[in-house]
Amino acid sequence: MRTSISSFLQRACCLASLCIDYDLSMYNSWTADNISYIVPSYVKHLKVSIKNPDEIKIVLKRLQQLSSAQFRFGHASCWRKITEWIDRNMSHSSYKADAYSFIVWLGKNSIEFNESKHNNPLVIHNDLPTNDWTSLFQLLVKDNSYYGVASGHSFYEQCLPNHSVGIGYCSTSIHWLSKKPCNILNHCLIDAVTCPKVNEEFRQQAYLDYCRFLKHRSCELISGGVLILVVLATNKEGKRGNEEFHNILYECAQLLPFTSNELIDYTIPAYFRSYDECVDEKLFAEYSFDLIKSQNVMMEPPFLKSWKEEQITFDEFARLSTSFVRG
């Protein structure tokens, strides 16, 4: 019975809330371990009957993706022990108890399990297999302040196990799209294009990629985990501050012996989101994120300014630009 229900729930991939009927769990003599086993990782809200209040601890420890949980108990009970445990281990959570049920609101930024703190952090560096891993490993050898390993995956897929990451950090990455929605004419970047249809195709691809990115990071983060994003975006006027840099890039491409088709195919799969597209609180809520802080900062590469003021040569500007893009 449990196997068939578990199989069914795993196929219900859009399920966000789950209520396990009292008769179902009691009739099948389900324990907290059984319940934790069948509940998929994408369920954020759970309502379930339990046999004793101690099972609440097991469910909350095992299902750390939950944003809220309601536990029903067969008869009047004293919830003092469980409330003390929550106060001690989940200092930012809130709860409500009555004679027959106990509700706890968790959220991504609310749980701190003091029982599982680690003194030595493990940092997992993730990038595509084509990255310069040799340089990374040389840096890891020099820095022994943490344990470091590498993972070669696209960040548009799940890279790490569920509930395994305490702090996620992604810098100047998600403007790269998972694929090029179409080619563009007379430039290599979408922000120089005025065609509404082409702009919409890139915007839609960026939205779908952002959804995938947040979905996988939500699964990987522990409850109480933090995701820090540094995103290349535009300001209120739709400017990034380094448009001239990419204009020069396309002018250089035009000087090369490309055919007209090759030049059209030189479309960079990148999209620079607006501030509102980056800080999409509706999207955050869908994947159980709570926004803590956001800030829009205008930046211009210093070597671009140096070249414009003729403080460095074009060859030096090209070298610095290459190093900057390779990061």
Protein backbone atom coordinates (compact mmCIF):
# COMPACT_ATOMS: atom_id res chain seq x y z
CA MET A 1 0.00 0.00 0.00
CA ARG A 2 2.74 2.46 1.02
CA THR A 3 4.73 1.61 -2.11
CA SER A 4 1.84 2.33 -4.47
CA ILE A 5 0.99 5.62 -2.73
CA SER A 6 4.65 6.68 -2.77
CA SER A 7 4.88 5.88 -6.49
CA PHE A 8 1.75 7.92 -7.19
CA LEU A 9 3.05 10.93 -5.22
CA GLN A 10 6.39 10.88 -7.01
CA ARG A 11 4.52 11.26 -10.30
CA ALA A 12 2.49 14.21 -9.00
CA CYS A 13 5.38 16.59 -9.66
CA CYS A 14 3.30 19.81 -9.32
CA LEU A 15 2.02 18.91 -5.86
CA ALA A 16 2.77 21.61 -3.28
CA SER A 17 0.39 20.66 -0.44
CA LEU A 18 -0.47 17.22 0.91
CA CYS A 19 -3.11 16.09 3.39
CA ILE A 20 -2.83 12.49 4.62
CA ASP A 21 -6.24 11.34 5.79
CA TYR A 22 -6.58 10.19 9.41
CA ASP A 23 -8.20 6.88 8.48
CA LEU A 24 -5.48 6.17 5.89
CA SER A 25 -2.54 6.69 8.24
CA MET A 26 -4.17 5.08 11.29
CA TYR A 27 -5.59 2.09 9.39
CA ASN A 28 -2.19 1.33 7.85
CA SER A 29 -0.38 1.91 11.17
CA TRP A 30 1.95 4.41 9.57
CA THR A 31 4.80 5.76 11.67
CA ALA A 32 6.60 9.09 11.28
CA ASP A 33 9.28 7.19 9.33
CA ASN A 34 6.67 5.90 6.89
CA ILE A 35 5.22 9.37 6.42
CA SER A 36 8.64 10.91 5.85
CA TYR A 37 9.40 8.26 3.25
CA ILE A 38 6.35 8.81 1.05
CA VAL A 39 6.26 12.64 1.09
CA PRO A 40 8.07 14.00 -2.02
CA SER A 41 10.72 16.69 -1.69
CA TYR A 42 8.61 19.31 -3.51
CA VAL A 43 5.74 19.20 -0.99
CA LYS A 44 5.88 22.40 1.07
CA HIS A 45 2.72 22.12 3.18
CA LEU A 46 1.75 18.95 5.04
CA LYS A 47 -1.30 17.95 7.09
CA VAL A 48 -1.10 14.55 8.75
CA SER A 49 -2.32 12.54 11.75
CA ILE A 50 0.22 11.16 14.21
CA LYS A 51 0.17 8.72 17.10
CA ASN A 52 2.17 10.78 19.59
CA PRO A 53 3.70 14.27 19.68
CA ASP A 54 7.27 12.92 19.55
CA GLU A 55 6.69 11.95 15.92
CA ILE A 56 6.57 15.66 15.09
CA LYS A 57 10.31 15.89 15.69
CA ILE A 58 11.00 13.06 13.24
CA VAL A 59 8.83 14.54 10.49
CA LEU A 60 10.32 18.04 10.83
CA LYS A 61 13.87 16.70 10.82
CA ARG A 62 13.33 14.45 7.81
CA LEU A 63 11.20 16.82 5.73
CA GLN A 64 13.19 20.01 5.95
CA GLN A 65 11.67 21.38 2.73
CA LEU A 66 8.36 22.07 4.52
CA SER A 67 7.12 25.62 4.94
CA SER A 68 4.26 24.61 7.21
CA ALA A 69 2.94 21.45 8.84
CA GLN A 70 -0.25 20.62 10.71
CA PHE A 71 -0.28 17.55 12.94
CA ARG A 72 -3.50 16.01 14.23
CA PHE A 73 -3.56 13.86 17.33
CA GLY A 74 -6.33 11.45 18.31
CA HIS A 75 -7.08 12.94 21.72
CA ALA A 76 -6.28 15.90 23.93
CA SER A 77 -2.57 16.19 24.59
CA CYS A 78 -0.04 18.40 26.28
CA TRP A 79 2.23 19.98 23.67
CA ARG A 80 4.73 21.42 26.18
CA LYS A 81 7.66 19.15 25.25
CA ILE A 82 7.34 19.72 21.54
CA THR A 83 7.01 23.50 21.92
CA GLU A 84 10.12 23.56 24.09
CA TRP A 85 11.97 21.54 21.44
CA ILE A 86 10.89 23.93 18.68
CA ASP A 87 11.85 26.97 20.78
CA ARG A 88 15.26 25.43 21.34
CA ASN A 89 16.00 24.17 17.81
CA MET A 90 13.90 26.39 15.51
CA SER A 91 14.23 29.77 17.10
CA HIS A 92 12.48 31.69 14.31
CA SER A 93 9.53 29.36 13.83
CA SER A 94 6.01 30.02 15.02
CA TYR A 95 3.33 27.56 16.08
CA LYS A 96 -0.22 27.21 17.31
CA ALA A 97 -1.60 24.38 19.41
CA ASP A 98 -5.03 23.31 20.59
CA ALA A 99 -6.39 20.14 22.13
CA TYR A 100 -6.24 18.05 18.97
CA SER A 101 -3.82 19.67 16.52
CA PHE A 102 -0.46 21.39 16.33
CA ILE A 103 0.50 23.78 13.50
CA VAL A 104 4.04 24.99 12.87
CA TRP A 105 5.10 27.60 10.29
CA LEU A 106 8.66 27.11 9.16
CA GLY A 107 9.74 28.88 5.94
CA LYS A 108 13.10 28.89 4.21
CA ASN A 109 14.60 31.45 6.54
CA SER A 110 13.22 30.18 9.81
CA ILE A 111 14.81 26.88 10.89
CA GLU A 112 18.11 26.54 12.65
CA PHE A 113 18.72 22.99 13.81
CA ASN A 114 21.25 23.47 16.59
CA GLU A 115 21.68 19.70 16.72
CA SER A 116 23.42 19.58 13.33
CA LYS A 117 25.93 22.44 13.29
CA HIS A 118 29.28 21.84 11.61
CA ASN A 119 32.55 23.54 12.44
CA ASN A 120 34.33 22.73 9.17
CA PRO A 121 32.46 23.94 6.09
CA LEU A 122 32.44 21.97 2.86
CA VAL A 123 32.40 24.19 -0.25
CA ILE A 124 31.26 22.60 -3.51
CA HIS A 125 32.32 24.54 -6.61
CA ASN A 126 29.97 23.92 -9.51
CA ASP A 127 30.40 24.72 -13.19
CA LEU A 128 30.23 23.08 -16.60
CA PRO A 129 32.83 20.39 -17.38
CA THR A 130 34.44 22.79 -19.90
CA ASN A 131 35.49 25.17 -17.11
CA ASP A 132 39.18 25.71 -16.27
CA TRP A 133 39.20 23.22 -13.39
CA THR A 134 43.00 23.15 -13.19
CA SER A 135 43.13 26.79 -12.08
CA LEU A 136 40.37 26.10 -9.55
CA PHE A 137 42.20 23.15 -8.03
CA GLN A 138 45.38 25.22 -7.76
CA LEU A 139 43.42 27.80 -5.77
CA LEU A 140 41.98 25.09 -3.52
CA VAL A 141 45.46 23.81 -2.72
CA LYS A 142 46.51 27.31 -1.61
CA ASP A 143 43.43 27.89 0.56
CA ASN A 144 43.12 25.36 3.39
CA SER A 145 40.49 27.28 5.37
CA TYR A 146 37.75 24.92 4.15
CA TYR A 147 37.17 21.59 2.47
CA GLY A 148 36.60 22.11 -1.25
CA VAL A 149 35.38 19.79 -3.98
CA ALA A 150 34.10 20.32 -7.52
CA SER A 151 30.95 19.34 -9.41
CA GLY A 152 30.67 19.59 -13.20
CA HIS A 153 26.99 20.22 -13.90
CA SER A 154 24.78 22.86 -15.43
CA PHE A 155 23.12 24.98 -12.76
CA TYR A 156 19.88 24.54 -14.69
CA GLU A 157 19.72 20.99 -13.35
CA GLN A 158 19.94 19.65 -9.82
CA CYS A 159 23.61 19.50 -8.93
CA LEU A 160 23.52 18.25 -5.33
CA PRO A 161 21.31 16.03 -3.12
CA ASN A 162 18.12 17.35 -1.54
CA HIS A 163 18.57 19.33 1.67
CA SER A 164 22.38 19.26 1.51
CA VAL A 165 23.30 22.96 1.11
CA GLY A 166 23.37 25.56 3.87
CA ILE A 167 24.45 28.58 1.81
CA GLY A 168 24.17 28.77 -1.96
CA TYR A 169 26.09 31.47 -3.86
CA CYS A 170 25.81 32.20 -7.57
CA SER A 171 27.68 35.14 -9.10
CA THR A 172 27.26 36.64 -12.61
CA SER A 173 26.00 33.36 -14.02
CA ILE A 174 22.27 33.15 -14.62
CA HIS A 175 22.26 35.76 -17.40
CA TRP A 176 23.61 32.87 -19.48
CA LEU A 177 20.62 31.02 -20.91
CA SER A 178 20.33 27.23 -21.13
CA LYS A 179 19.88 27.58 -24.88
CA LYS A 180 19.68 30.21 -27.61
CA PRO A 181 15.98 30.80 -28.40
CA CYS A 182 16.75 32.26 -31.83
CA ASN A 183 19.40 34.17 -33.79
CA ILE A 184 19.46 37.96 -33.95
CA LEU A 185 20.53 40.32 -36.73
CA ASN A 186 23.14 43.09 -36.74
CA HIS A 187 24.44 42.43 -33.24
CA CYS A 188 25.52 39.64 -30.93
CA LEU A 189 23.45 40.54 -27.82
CA ILE A 190 19.70 40.81 -27.32
CA ASP A 191 19.75 44.17 -25.54
CA ALA A 192 20.69 45.87 -28.84
CA VAL A 193 17.66 44.39 -30.62
CA THR A 194 14.42 46.34 -31.10
CA CYS A 195 12.28 43.55 -32.59
CA PRO A 196 9.48 42.80 -30.07
CA LYS A 197 9.11 39.16 -31.18
CA VAL A 198 12.81 38.39 -30.72
CA ASN A 199 12.93 40.21 -27.39
CA GLU A 200 9.92 38.22 -26.15
CA GLU A 201 11.53 34.91 -27.14
CA PHE A 202 14.64 35.75 -25.10
CA ARG A 203 12.55 37.06 -22.19
CA GLN A 204 10.47 33.87 -22.10
CA GLN A 205 13.56 31.66 -22.24
CA ALA A 206 15.11 33.65 -19.37
CA TYR A 207 11.93 33.25 -17.31
CA LEU A 208 11.80 29.48 -17.84
CA ASP A 209 15.49 29.16 -16.96
CA TYR A 210 15.00 31.22 -13.79
CA CYS A 211 12.13 28.92 -12.76
CA ARG A 212 14.31 25.85 -13.27
CA PHE A 213 17.21 27.43 -11.41
CA LEU A 214 15.11 28.35 -8.36
CA LYS A 215 13.32 25.00 -8.33
CA HIS A 216 16.59 23.03 -8.15
CA ARG A 217 18.20 25.35 -5.61
CA SER A 218 15.10 25.10 -3.43
CA CYS A 219 15.44 21.31 -3.40
CA GLU A 220 19.17 21.45 -2.60
CA LEU A 221 18.92 23.95 0.27
CA ILE A 222 18.22 22.81 3.79
CA SER A 223 15.37 24.51 5.60
CA GLY A 224 16.79 27.76 6.86
CA GLY A 225 19.28 27.79 3.99
CA VAL A 226 20.27 31.01 2.24
CA LEU A 227 20.65 31.64 -1.50
CA ILE A 228 22.78 34.63 -2.54
CA LEU A 229 22.53 35.75 -6.17
CA VAL A 230 24.68 38.31 -7.99
CA VAL A 231 22.90 38.88 -11.28
CA LEU A 232 23.94 40.98 -14.26
CA ALA A 233 20.84 43.11 -14.83
CA THR A 234 19.67 46.46 -16.16
CA ASN A 235 18.74 49.64 -14.33
CA LYS A 236 15.42 51.51 -14.56
CA GLU A 237 16.45 52.92 -17.94
CA GLY A 238 17.24 49.45 -19.26
CA LYS A 239 21.01 50.12 -19.23
CA ARG A 240 23.81 47.91 -17.92
CA GLY A 241 26.74 50.31 -18.05
CA ASN A 242 28.91 48.26 -20.41
CA GLU A 243 26.92 48.34 -23.66
CA GLU A 244 29.91 49.82 -25.48
CA PHE A 245 31.94 46.78 -24.51
CA HIS A 246 29.60 44.49 -26.46
CA ASN A 247 29.29 46.93 -29.36
CA ILE A 248 33.06 46.65 -29.78
CA LEU A 249 32.79 42.88 -29.52
CA TYR A 250 30.39 42.74 -32.47
CA GLU A 251 32.48 45.21 -34.49
CA CYS A 252 35.48 42.90 -34.01
CA ALA A 253 33.41 39.93 -35.20
CA GLN A 254 32.50 41.85 -38.35
CA LEU A 255 36.22 42.27 -39.15
CA LEU A 256 36.76 38.51 -39.13
CA PRO A 257 36.28 36.41 -42.30
CA PHE A 258 32.82 35.17 -41.29
CA THR A 259 30.13 34.37 -43.81
CA SER A 260 26.83 36.20 -43.38
CA ASN A 261 25.25 33.06 -41.87
CA GLU A 262 28.14 32.60 -39.45
CA LEU A 263 27.83 36.22 -38.35
CA ILE A 264 24.09 35.78 -37.74
CA ASP A 265 24.82 32.61 -35.80
CA TYR A 266 27.14 34.65 -33.59
CA THR A 267 24.29 35.28 -31.18
CA ILE A 268 25.35 35.12 -27.55
CA PRO A 269 22.79 33.14 -25.45
CA ALA A 270 22.52 35.78 -22.74
CA TYR A 271 19.68 37.89 -21.34
CA PHE A 272 20.04 40.76 -18.89
CA ARG A 273 16.96 40.86 -16.70
CA SER A 274 15.33 43.97 -15.33
CA TYR A 275 15.34 44.50 -11.58
CA ASP A 276 11.70 43.39 -11.37
CA GLU A 277 12.48 40.22 -13.31
CA CYS A 278 15.31 39.43 -10.89
CA VAL A 279 13.30 40.21 -7.76
CA ASP A 280 10.15 38.28 -8.65
CA GLU A 281 8.61 37.68 -5.24
CA LYS A 282 5.73 35.69 -6.71
CA LEU A 283 8.25 33.32 -8.26
CA PHE A 284 10.23 33.20 -5.01
CA ALA A 285 7.11 32.23 -3.07
CA GLU A 286 6.32 29.47 -5.58
CA TYR A 287 9.62 27.80 -4.72
CA SER A 288 9.45 28.58 -0.96
CA PHE A 289 11.94 31.44 -0.87
CA ASP A 290 11.53 34.54 1.27
CA LEU A 291 13.33 37.67 0.07
CA ILE A 292 15.68 39.05 2.72
CA LYS A 293 17.42 41.87 0.85
CA SER A 294 17.96 43.10 -2.70
CA GLN A 295 19.96 45.95 -4.20
CA ASN A 296 20.58 47.29 -7.70
CA VAL A 297 24.14 48.62 -8.25
CA MET A 298 25.39 50.24 -11.46
CA MET A 299 28.88 49.10 -12.43
CA GLU A 300 31.26 49.73 -15.31
CA PRO A 301 34.42 47.68 -15.90
CA PRO A 302 37.32 49.96 -14.89
CA PHE A 303 39.41 48.93 -17.90
CA LEU A 304 36.64 50.13 -20.25
CA LYS A 305 36.88 53.59 -18.74
CA SER A 306 40.70 53.44 -18.90
CA TRP A 307 40.60 52.60 -22.60
CA LYS A 308 38.03 55.31 -23.39
CA GLU A 309 40.30 57.84 -21.65
CA GLU A 310 43.30 56.47 -23.61
CA GLN A 311 45.10 55.35 -20.48
CA ILE A 312 45.65 51.86 -21.94
CA THR A 313 46.09 50.55 -25.50
CA PHE A 314 43.45 48.60 -27.38
CA ASP A 315 45.56 45.42 -27.10
CA GLU A 316 45.70 45.84 -23.32
CA PHE A 317 41.96 46.50 -23.26
CA ALA A 318 41.37 43.28 -25.24
CA ARG A 319 43.58 41.28 -22.86
CA LEU A 320 41.83 42.63 -19.76
CA SER A 321 38.41 42.07 -21.32
CA THR A 322 39.26 38.45 -22.07
CA SER A 323 40.45 37.87 -18.51
CA PHE A 324 37.31 39.55 -17.18
CA VAL A 325 34.96 37.33 -19.20
CA ARG A 326 36.86 34.18 -18.25
CA GLY A 327 36.46 35.30 -14.64
